[in-house]
Each structure stands twice: as C-alpha cells, then as structure tokens.
Protein backbone atom coordinates (compact mmCIF):
# COMPACT_ATOMS: atom_id res chain seq x y z
CA MET A 1 54.88 -39.33 31.43
CA THR A 2 52.74 -38.24 28.54
CA ASP A 3 53.78 -35.36 26.18
CA ALA A 4 52.19 -32.11 26.60
CA LYS A 5 51.40 -31.51 22.58
CA SER A 6 50.08 -34.58 21.63
CA GLY A 7 49.72 -36.90 24.58
CA ASP A 8 51.90 -39.92 23.60
CA VAL A 9 54.19 -41.23 25.39
CA PRO A 10 57.92 -40.44 24.52
CA GLN A 11 59.82 -43.34 23.39
CA LYS A 12 63.30 -44.17 24.56
CA SER A 13 64.30 -44.28 21.00
CA ASP A 14 63.30 -40.55 20.84
CA ASN A 15 65.76 -39.89 24.20
CA LEU A 16 69.03 -41.83 22.48
CA THR A 17 68.37 -39.87 19.35
CA ALA A 18 68.54 -36.40 21.17
CA ARG A 19 71.47 -37.33 23.13
CA LEU A 20 73.32 -38.54 20.07
CA GLN A 21 72.57 -35.87 18.51
CA GLN A 22 73.59 -33.24 21.62
CA GLY A 23 76.80 -35.56 21.86
CA SER A 24 77.52 -34.63 18.11
CA VAL A 25 77.07 -31.01 18.21
CA SER A 26 79.12 -30.82 21.67
CA THR A 27 81.82 -32.40 19.96
CA ILE A 28 82.28 -30.31 16.98
CA GLY A 29 81.92 -27.14 19.26
CA LEU A 30 84.46 -28.71 21.63
CA PHE A 31 87.16 -30.27 19.69
CA PHE A 32 87.00 -29.21 15.83
CA TYR A 33 86.28 -25.77 16.09
CA THR A 34 88.83 -25.06 18.61
CA LEU A 35 91.19 -27.16 17.17
CA PHE A 36 90.78 -26.10 13.23
CA ASN A 37 93.75 -23.92 12.91
CA ILE A 38 96.14 -26.33 14.76
CA PHE A 39 95.38 -29.22 12.75
CA ASN A 40 96.11 -27.00 9.57
CA ALA A 41 99.28 -25.97 10.93
CA ALA A 42 100.19 -29.54 11.60
CA VAL A 43 99.00 -30.63 7.96
CA MET A 44 101.22 -27.57 6.46
CA ASP A 45 104.37 -28.71 8.32
CA VAL A 46 103.88 -32.69 7.41
CA ALA A 47 102.78 -31.84 3.76
CA GLY A 48 105.97 -31.52 1.06
CA SER A 49 106.19 -27.75 -0.64
CA HIS A 50 104.83 -28.85 -3.58
CA VAL A 51 101.55 -30.54 -2.54
CA GLN A 52 100.85 -27.92 0.17
CA ALA A 53 98.00 -25.97 -1.40
CA ALA A 54 96.19 -29.62 -2.74
CA THR A 55 96.73 -30.59 0.87
CA TYR A 56 95.18 -27.09 2.35
CA GLY A 57 92.61 -27.58 -0.22
CA HIS A 58 91.62 -31.08 0.91
CA THR A 59 91.54 -29.96 4.74
CA SER A 60 89.53 -27.40 3.76
CA LEU A 61 86.70 -29.47 2.05
CA ILE A 62 86.72 -32.27 4.48
CA THR A 63 86.02 -29.17 6.81
CA GLN A 64 83.22 -28.10 5.22
CA LEU A 65 81.63 -31.47 4.93
CA VAL A 66 81.57 -31.46 8.81
CA VAL A 67 80.52 -27.95 9.26
CA ILE A 68 77.78 -27.33 6.89
CA PRO A 69 75.40 -29.86 8.81
CA ALA A 70 75.95 -28.17 11.93
CA PRO A 71 73.54 -25.27 11.79
CA MET A 72 70.84 -28.17 10.76
CA ILE A 73 71.49 -30.01 13.62
CA THR A 74 71.56 -27.15 16.39
CA GLY A 75 68.13 -25.74 14.70
CA TYR A 76 66.97 -29.46 15.18
CA LEU A 77 67.96 -29.08 18.61
CA ILE A 78 66.88 -26.05 19.33
CA GLY A 79 63.19 -26.75 18.25
CA GLY A 80 63.03 -30.14 20.07
CA LEU A 81 64.84 -29.63 23.19
CA GLY A 82 65.50 -25.95 23.77
CA ILE A 83 67.36 -22.92 22.95
CA LYS A 84 70.25 -23.76 25.46
CA PHE A 85 71.70 -26.54 22.70
CA ALA A 86 72.72 -23.46 20.48
CA PHE A 87 75.14 -22.59 22.81
CA VAL A 88 76.62 -25.90 22.78
CA LEU A 89 77.84 -25.67 19.67
CA ALA A 90 79.56 -22.48 20.30
C-alpha cells in the first residue's frame, strides 16, 4: 500500500503515532473537559479555608498546561487524518 501523495509506503510507527495522538485527544475530550467542574468542586471541599485561592490557582495552572496544546494536536490530526478527529475532542 503506497501513499498517494509521495508514493512512499507508510510506516508502522506513523500509524502508532497517529493512534497515540487520537487517544490523547479522545482522553482530553472525554474526561478532562467533562470532569473539570466536578474536580474543582472536590478540590475546594478538601482544601482549607486559608488555602482555597492558592489551590484554585494551582489547579487552573495545571488545567491550562493540559488544554493549551489540545488545539494544536487537533489541527495536526485534522491535517493528517481528516476532519472527523476535530469532533473527537469535542
């Protein structure tokens, strides 16, 4: 089986990389976005009254570190595998 654009035979590592990226985007879409508010509420319940603001700030920072690369990964998947992978994240 050859690639229509370049005539090269696709490598198994390319397929593995694509599947890992699909899995990471799917995981972010299925679990991270849907459970974010529940996670914040649980953290605020556990944190003491004097550290709730700092705790919320740290969880927001961690959230941003996870969320910022998601559109870039999705764009890469769309370019390589098709538009249907944009909806996996949503």
